[in-house]
Amino acid sequence: MRLLRDNKGQIRIIEAFFASALILSSLALIPSGTMVTNSNTQILSSTATHVLTTLDSDGFLSTLIENSSWTTLRECVESTLSPSMWFNLTVFDDNMQQINDVQISSGNPVGQTIVSTEYVCASVSADYNIYIIRLQLSTVS
């Protein structure tokens, strides 16, 4: 009979259960540093792919490469990116020999995380040259 009237022990167990559930759920909701880095890397990678596919519409990218319009190419990439982003672009032929003889970059890297994305581009001319464009991006960390 006394056991039925003494609910203090049962309430303490229920209270401890809810406290541990609250602590575990709050730990699950706090993002870890690795997840932030991965999402930043994924954002930079998708941004690089988006920039290159946008520039490649209607053969514009291959035309710039065939005409060696490196300054125009740099200006086009700069106009599609945020001013806080650093980029470096390198153009290779199908034998991975560098084609651009000048640096296509926005200066020095601004962050510790640099993402490199490669994109394959084909010329629209009758020669049908294939180019591999490597775009490296970084942002202020």
Protein backbone atom coordinates (compact mmCIF):
# COMPACT_ATOMS: atom_id res chain seq x y z
CA MET A 1 0.00 0.00 0.00
CA ARG A 2 2.81 2.36 0.85
CA LEU A 3 4.39 1.69 -2.58
CA LEU A 4 1.31 2.98 -4.37
CA ARG A 5 1.30 6.24 -2.41
CA ASP A 6 5.05 6.96 -2.78
CA ASN A 7 5.30 8.35 -6.36
CA LYS A 8 8.53 10.28 -5.83
CA GLY A 9 10.72 7.52 -7.28
CA GLN A 10 8.57 7.11 -10.37
CA ILE A 11 8.49 10.84 -11.05
CA ARG A 12 12.28 11.05 -10.71
CA ILE A 13 12.72 8.27 -13.27
CA ILE A 14 10.32 9.98 -15.71
CA GLU A 15 12.11 13.30 -15.11
CA ALA A 16 15.51 11.70 -15.82
CA PHE A 17 14.12 10.10 -18.99
CA PHE A 18 12.85 13.44 -20.34
CA ALA A 19 16.11 15.19 -19.41
CA SER A 20 18.20 12.62 -21.28
CA ALA A 21 15.85 12.79 -24.28
CA LEU A 22 16.19 16.58 -24.32
CA ILE A 23 20.00 16.41 -24.17
CA LEU A 24 20.25 13.79 -26.91
CA SER A 25 17.86 15.65 -29.22
CA SER A 26 19.77 18.92 -28.76
CA LEU A 27 23.04 17.16 -29.63
CA ALA A 28 21.46 15.74 -32.77
CA LEU A 29 20.33 19.19 -33.90
CA ILE A 30 23.71 20.91 -33.46
CA PRO A 31 25.62 20.73 -36.77
CA SER A 32 29.15 19.46 -36.62
CA GLY A 33 32.09 21.29 -38.23
CA THR A 34 32.56 18.54 -40.82
CA MET A 35 29.04 18.96 -42.13
CA VAL A 36 29.55 22.71 -42.59
CA THR A 37 32.76 22.12 -44.53
CA ASN A 38 31.10 19.55 -46.74
CA SER A 39 28.17 21.82 -47.50
CA ASN A 40 30.56 24.71 -48.26
CA THR A 41 32.52 22.42 -50.58
CA GLN A 42 29.32 21.28 -52.28
CA ILE A 43 28.17 24.89 -52.74
CA LEU A 44 31.51 25.88 -54.29
CA SER A 45 31.49 22.83 -56.54
CA SER A 46 27.95 23.46 -57.79
CA THR A 47 28.76 27.16 -58.28
CA ALA A 48 31.78 26.26 -60.43
CA THR A 49 29.72 23.84 -62.51
CA HIS A 50 26.97 26.42 -62.93
CA VAL A 51 29.44 29.11 -64.06
CA LEU A 52 31.01 26.84 -66.66
CA THR A 53 27.73 25.54 -68.06
CA THR A 54 26.36 29.08 -68.25
CA LEU A 55 29.41 30.29 -70.16
CA ASP A 56 29.28 27.26 -72.46
CA SER A 57 25.80 28.07 -73.77
CA ASP A 58 25.73 28.40 -77.58
CA GLY A 59 29.45 27.57 -77.82
CA PHE A 60 30.54 30.88 -76.28
CA LEU A 61 33.19 29.28 -74.06
CA SER A 62 34.85 27.35 -76.87
CA THR A 63 34.82 30.45 -79.08
CA LEU A 64 36.66 32.42 -76.40
CA ILE A 65 39.21 29.61 -76.07
CA GLU A 66 39.78 29.26 -79.82
CA ASN A 67 40.28 33.04 -80.15
CA SER A 68 42.60 33.08 -77.10
CA SER A 69 40.40 35.76 -75.52
CA TRP A 70 41.76 35.18 -72.03
CA THR A 71 40.93 38.68 -70.74
CA THR A 72 37.34 38.37 -71.92
CA LEU A 73 37.10 34.91 -70.37
CA ARG A 74 38.39 36.26 -67.03
CA GLU A 75 35.89 39.14 -67.15
CA CYS A 76 33.02 36.74 -67.90
CA VAL A 77 33.90 34.50 -64.97
CA GLU A 78 34.29 37.52 -62.67
CA SER A 79 30.86 38.82 -63.69
CA THR A 80 29.17 35.54 -62.76
CA LEU A 81 30.80 35.20 -59.33
CA SER A 82 30.44 37.09 -56.10
CA PRO A 83 33.18 39.68 -55.47
CA SER A 84 34.17 37.79 -52.31
CA MET A 85 35.07 34.68 -54.32
CA TRP A 86 38.49 33.83 -55.68
CA PHE A 87 38.87 31.85 -58.88
CA ASN A 88 41.58 30.38 -61.05
CA LEU A 89 40.77 29.00 -64.48
CA THR A 90 43.06 26.81 -66.58
CA VAL A 91 42.31 25.50 -70.08
CA PHE A 92 43.79 22.21 -71.30
CA ASP A 93 43.60 20.41 -74.63
CA ASP A 94 42.59 16.75 -74.88
CA ASN A 95 46.18 15.72 -74.02
CA MET A 96 46.05 17.78 -70.79
CA GLN A 97 48.53 20.33 -72.16
CA GLN A 98 47.81 23.82 -70.85
CA ILE A 99 46.52 26.14 -73.58
CA ASN A 100 46.20 29.49 -71.85
CA ASP A 101 49.54 31.29 -71.75
CA VAL A 102 48.36 33.94 -69.28
CA GLN A 103 46.93 33.46 -65.81
CA ILE A 104 43.13 33.63 -65.67
CA SER A 105 42.61 34.43 -62.02
CA SER A 106 41.20 36.97 -59.61
CA GLY A 107 44.36 37.28 -57.51
CA ASN A 108 45.37 35.29 -54.46
CA PRO A 109 43.15 32.72 -52.73
CA VAL A 110 41.00 34.25 -50.00
CA GLY A 111 40.11 31.12 -48.02
CA GLN A 112 41.53 27.84 -46.84
CA THR A 113 39.08 25.67 -48.76
CA ILE A 114 39.69 25.52 -52.52
CA VAL A 115 37.41 23.44 -54.71
CA SER A 116 38.53 22.32 -58.15
CA THR A 117 35.99 21.42 -60.83
CA GLU A 118 36.75 20.15 -64.31
CA TYR A 119 34.46 20.66 -67.26
CA VAL A 120 34.71 19.20 -70.77
CA CYS A 121 33.91 21.59 -73.60
CA ALA A 122 33.79 20.88 -77.34
CA SER A 123 34.36 23.48 -80.01
CA VAL A 124 31.62 24.37 -82.45
CA SER A 125 34.04 24.70 -85.36
CA ALA A 126 34.63 22.06 -88.01
CA ASP A 127 37.88 21.00 -86.26
CA TYR A 128 35.88 19.73 -83.26
CA ASN A 129 38.51 20.37 -80.62
CA ILE A 130 37.94 19.21 -77.08
CA TYR A 131 38.94 21.38 -74.13
CA ILE A 132 39.11 20.58 -70.45
CA ILE A 133 38.51 23.59 -68.23
CA ARG A 134 39.60 23.47 -64.61
CA LEU A 135 37.92 26.09 -62.44
CA GLN A 136 39.13 26.48 -58.87
CA LEU A 137 37.00 28.45 -56.43
CA SER A 138 37.46 29.68 -52.89
CA THR A 139 35.54 32.04 -50.68
CA VAL A 140 36.27 34.10 -47.60
CA SER A 141 36.23 31.68 -44.67
